[in-house]
């Protein structure tokens, strides 16, 4: 099957991936645009995973102010080069992360950053709920572990569903942009301010 330049151009516009990779993905998928997009996303995620060990010491500190000045966020997002830090797609990612933090109010960047004291307090609350529930004691630990997983998904920024696209986590959003940019991208830290808190 012959792949047209128009198809390659459309796939490139939709994914931001290079022309030759787009052409190869279209050939491999038999001209199916959606399958080609999935192929490129899978390859990009694999490449992003390899890049995650590389040093990300460039980037930006950005601010996001929401609700007429009632909520503000400062976020540091790092990449490998100054060139990528100035790129529009990277800048948009940083703005989206700031907006997400303002809306979703995570307590840490990743689950490992959540204080052990807070985790133990949550675990204690869940165990008390199990005692009151009347459920058999042998299943309490599994239920408590499930509730803790939900707590992580609500509290850790990287595990939260992205507010603009709940089918995608913040970690997946970063991986997608990292795949397009060809660099490791890391959310280093953030601070969220809310008026009166």
Protein backbone atom coordinates (compact mmCIF):
# COMPACT_ATOMS: atom_id res chain seq x y z
CA UNK A 1 0.00 0.00 0.00
CA UNK A 2 1.36 3.40 -1.00
CA UNK A 3 1.46 5.99 1.77
CA UNK A 4 0.80 9.53 0.54
CA UNK A 5 2.66 12.63 1.61
CA UNK A 6 -0.68 14.04 2.80
CA UNK A 7 -1.14 11.10 5.20
CA UNK A 8 2.40 11.47 6.53
CA UNK A 9 1.84 15.21 7.00
CA UNK A 10 -1.43 14.62 8.87
CA UNK A 11 0.19 12.06 11.19
CA UNK A 12 3.11 14.42 11.83
CA UNK A 13 0.72 17.27 12.69
CA UNK A 14 -1.25 15.03 15.05
CA UNK A 15 1.78 13.55 16.84
CA UNK A 16 4.70 15.95 16.42
CA UNK A 17 6.95 13.01 15.43
CA UNK A 18 9.46 13.18 12.55
CA UNK A 19 8.40 12.53 8.93
CA UNK A 20 10.35 9.28 8.48
CA UNK A 21 9.01 7.81 11.72
CA UNK A 22 5.48 8.79 10.67
CA UNK A 23 5.92 7.17 7.27
CA UNK A 24 7.30 3.99 8.84
CA UNK A 25 4.41 3.81 11.34
CA UNK A 26 1.85 4.27 8.55
CA UNK A 27 3.50 1.53 6.48
CA UNK A 28 3.62 -0.80 9.50
CA UNK A 29 -0.06 -0.16 10.30
CA UNK A 30 -1.23 -0.64 6.71
CA UNK A 31 -2.25 3.02 6.37
CA UNK A 32 -4.50 2.99 9.49
CA UNK A 33 -4.01 6.45 11.05
CA UNK A 34 -5.20 5.50 14.57
CA UNK A 35 -3.02 2.35 14.68
CA UNK A 36 -0.05 4.43 13.50
CA UNK A 37 -0.68 6.94 16.31
CA UNK A 38 -0.80 4.10 18.85
CA UNK A 39 2.46 2.67 17.47
CA UNK A 40 4.19 6.05 17.74
CA UNK A 41 2.87 6.61 21.26
CA UNK A 42 4.13 3.17 22.38
CA UNK A 43 7.55 3.80 20.85
CA UNK A 44 7.69 7.29 22.33
CA UNK A 45 6.84 5.97 25.80
CA UNK A 46 9.59 3.35 25.49
CA UNK A 47 12.11 6.00 24.43
CA UNK A 48 10.96 8.30 27.25
CA UNK A 49 11.54 5.49 29.76
CA UNK A 50 15.13 5.14 28.50
CA UNK A 51 15.64 8.90 28.79
CA UNK A 52 14.37 9.05 32.38
CA UNK A 53 17.87 8.34 33.72
CA UNK A 54 19.36 11.35 31.92
CA UNK A 55 20.01 14.54 33.87
CA UNK A 56 17.33 17.21 33.58
CA UNK A 57 18.94 20.41 34.85
CA UNK A 58 17.38 23.00 32.53
CA UNK A 59 13.72 24.04 32.50
CA UNK A 60 11.53 26.73 34.02
CA UNK A 61 9.87 27.90 37.18
CA UNK A 62 6.41 29.07 36.21
CA UNK A 63 3.47 30.65 37.98
CA UNK A 64 -0.21 30.03 37.43
CA UNK A 65 -2.91 32.19 39.02
CA UNK A 66 -6.51 31.01 39.05
CA UNK A 67 -9.95 32.30 40.06
CA UNK A 68 -9.10 35.99 39.91
CA UNK A 69 -6.12 35.70 42.24
CA UNK A 70 -7.64 33.34 44.81
CA UNK A 71 -5.33 30.38 43.98
CA UNK A 72 -1.71 30.57 42.84
CA UNK A 73 0.84 27.92 41.92
CA UNK A 74 4.61 27.99 41.48
CA UNK A 75 5.95 24.90 39.69
CA UNK A 76 9.46 23.88 38.60
CA UNK A 77 9.60 21.58 35.58
CA UNK A 78 13.01 20.46 34.30
CA UNK A 79 14.26 19.21 30.94
CA UNK A 80 17.70 18.50 29.52
CA UNK A 81 18.34 21.56 27.32
CA UNK A 82 17.55 25.25 27.26
CA UNK A 83 16.31 24.77 23.67
CA UNK A 84 13.47 22.52 24.84
CA UNK A 85 12.75 24.77 27.85
CA UNK A 86 11.90 27.58 25.40
CA UNK A 87 9.80 25.32 23.13
CA UNK A 88 6.06 26.12 22.93
CA UNK A 89 5.01 22.51 23.63
CA UNK A 90 7.15 22.44 26.79
CA UNK A 91 5.82 25.83 27.91
CA UNK A 92 2.23 24.60 27.35
CA UNK A 93 2.97 21.47 29.40
CA UNK A 94 4.23 23.61 32.29
CA UNK A 95 1.11 25.83 32.10
CA UNK A 96 -1.13 22.75 32.05
CA UNK A 97 0.64 21.28 35.08
CA UNK A 98 0.28 24.58 36.97
CA UNK A 99 -3.42 24.77 36.10
CA UNK A 100 -3.89 21.13 37.14
CA UNK A 101 -2.20 21.73 40.51
CA UNK A 102 -4.47 24.74 41.11
CA UNK A 103 -7.57 22.65 40.35
CA UNK A 104 -6.67 19.24 41.85
CA UNK A 105 -4.61 20.31 44.90
CA UNK A 106 -2.12 17.39 45.08
CA UNK A 107 -0.06 17.11 48.24
CA UNK A 108 3.17 15.81 46.64
CA UNK A 109 4.78 15.25 43.23
CA UNK A 110 5.04 11.46 43.62
CA UNK A 111 3.78 8.91 46.14
CA UNK A 112 7.28 8.51 47.60
CA UNK A 113 7.20 12.20 48.59
CA UNK A 114 4.10 11.81 50.81
CA UNK A 115 5.14 11.80 54.46
CA UNK A 116 5.14 8.37 56.17
CA UNK A 117 3.22 9.92 59.08
CA UNK A 118 0.36 10.95 56.78
CA UNK A 119 0.27 7.49 55.19
CA UNK A 120 0.13 5.80 58.61
CA UNK A 121 -2.63 8.18 59.72
CA UNK A 122 -4.65 7.31 56.60
CA UNK A 123 -4.00 3.59 57.14
CA UNK A 124 -5.25 3.95 60.75
CA UNK A 125 -8.44 5.69 59.59
CA UNK A 126 -9.09 2.96 57.01
CA UNK A 127 -8.52 0.20 59.60
CA UNK A 128 -11.02 1.87 61.95
CA UNK A 129 -13.51 2.02 59.08
CA UNK A 130 -13.02 -1.72 58.58
CA UNK A 131 -13.67 -2.41 62.28
CA UNK A 132 -16.93 -0.48 62.05
CA UNK A 133 -17.94 -2.06 58.72
CA UNK A 134 -18.63 -5.54 60.05
CA UNK A 135 -16.60 -7.10 57.21
CA UNK A 136 -14.53 -10.24 57.96
CA UNK A 137 -11.16 -9.38 59.50
CA UNK A 138 -9.20 -11.52 57.03
CA UNK A 139 -10.08 -9.13 54.14
CA UNK A 140 -9.35 -5.88 55.99
CA UNK A 141 -5.74 -5.60 54.80
CA UNK A 142 -6.70 -5.96 51.12
CA UNK A 143 -9.41 -3.32 51.46
CA UNK A 144 -7.07 -0.97 53.35
CA UNK A 145 -4.39 -1.44 50.64
CA UNK A 146 -6.99 -0.64 47.96
CA UNK A 147 -8.04 2.52 49.81
CA UNK A 148 -4.38 3.55 50.13
CA UNK A 149 -3.91 3.13 46.36
CA UNK A 150 -6.89 5.44 45.84
CA UNK A 151 -5.37 7.90 48.34
CA UNK A 152 -2.09 7.90 46.34
CA UNK A 153 -4.00 8.48 43.09
CA UNK A 154 -5.74 11.48 44.68
CA UNK A 155 -2.68 12.90 46.48
CA UNK A 156 0.34 12.33 44.20
CA UNK A 157 0.46 14.75 41.25
CA UNK A 158 1.91 12.23 38.79
CA UNK A 159 -0.85 9.70 39.52
CA UNK A 160 -3.77 12.13 39.30
CA UNK A 161 -6.02 12.11 36.22
CA UNK A 162 -5.26 15.24 34.18
CA UNK A 163 -8.14 17.73 34.65
CA UNK A 164 -8.28 18.54 30.91
CA UNK A 165 -8.27 14.83 29.93
CA UNK A 166 -9.25 12.47 32.80
CA UNK A 167 -8.36 9.41 30.66
CA UNK A 168 -4.69 10.40 31.04
CA UNK A 169 -2.61 10.80 34.21
CA UNK A 170 -0.16 13.67 34.65
CA UNK A 171 2.68 11.12 34.32
CA UNK A 172 1.28 9.97 30.95
CA UNK A 173 0.92 13.60 29.81
CA UNK A 174 4.58 14.23 30.67
CA UNK A 175 5.65 11.00 28.92
CA UNK A 176 3.79 12.03 25.75
CA UNK A 177 5.47 15.47 25.67
CA UNK A 178 8.83 13.89 26.55
CA UNK A 179 8.44 11.51 23.60
CA UNK A 180 7.77 14.43 21.22
CA UNK A 181 10.62 16.55 22.61
CA UNK A 182 13.13 13.71 22.78
CA UNK A 183 14.21 14.69 26.29
CA UNK A 184 13.70 13.66 29.89
CA UNK A 185 11.10 15.94 31.56
CA UNK A 186 10.73 16.02 35.34
CA UNK A 187 8.38 17.90 37.67
CA UNK A 188 10.82 18.86 40.42
CA UNK A 189 8.54 20.63 42.93
CA UNK A 190 5.55 22.87 43.35
CA UNK A 191 3.84 25.13 45.88
CA UNK A 192 0.13 25.90 45.83
CA UNK A 193 -1.28 28.95 47.59
CA UNK A 194 -4.97 29.49 48.28
CA UNK A 195 -6.31 32.75 49.67
CA UNK A 196 -7.09 32.41 53.36
CA UNK A 197 -5.31 29.05 53.86
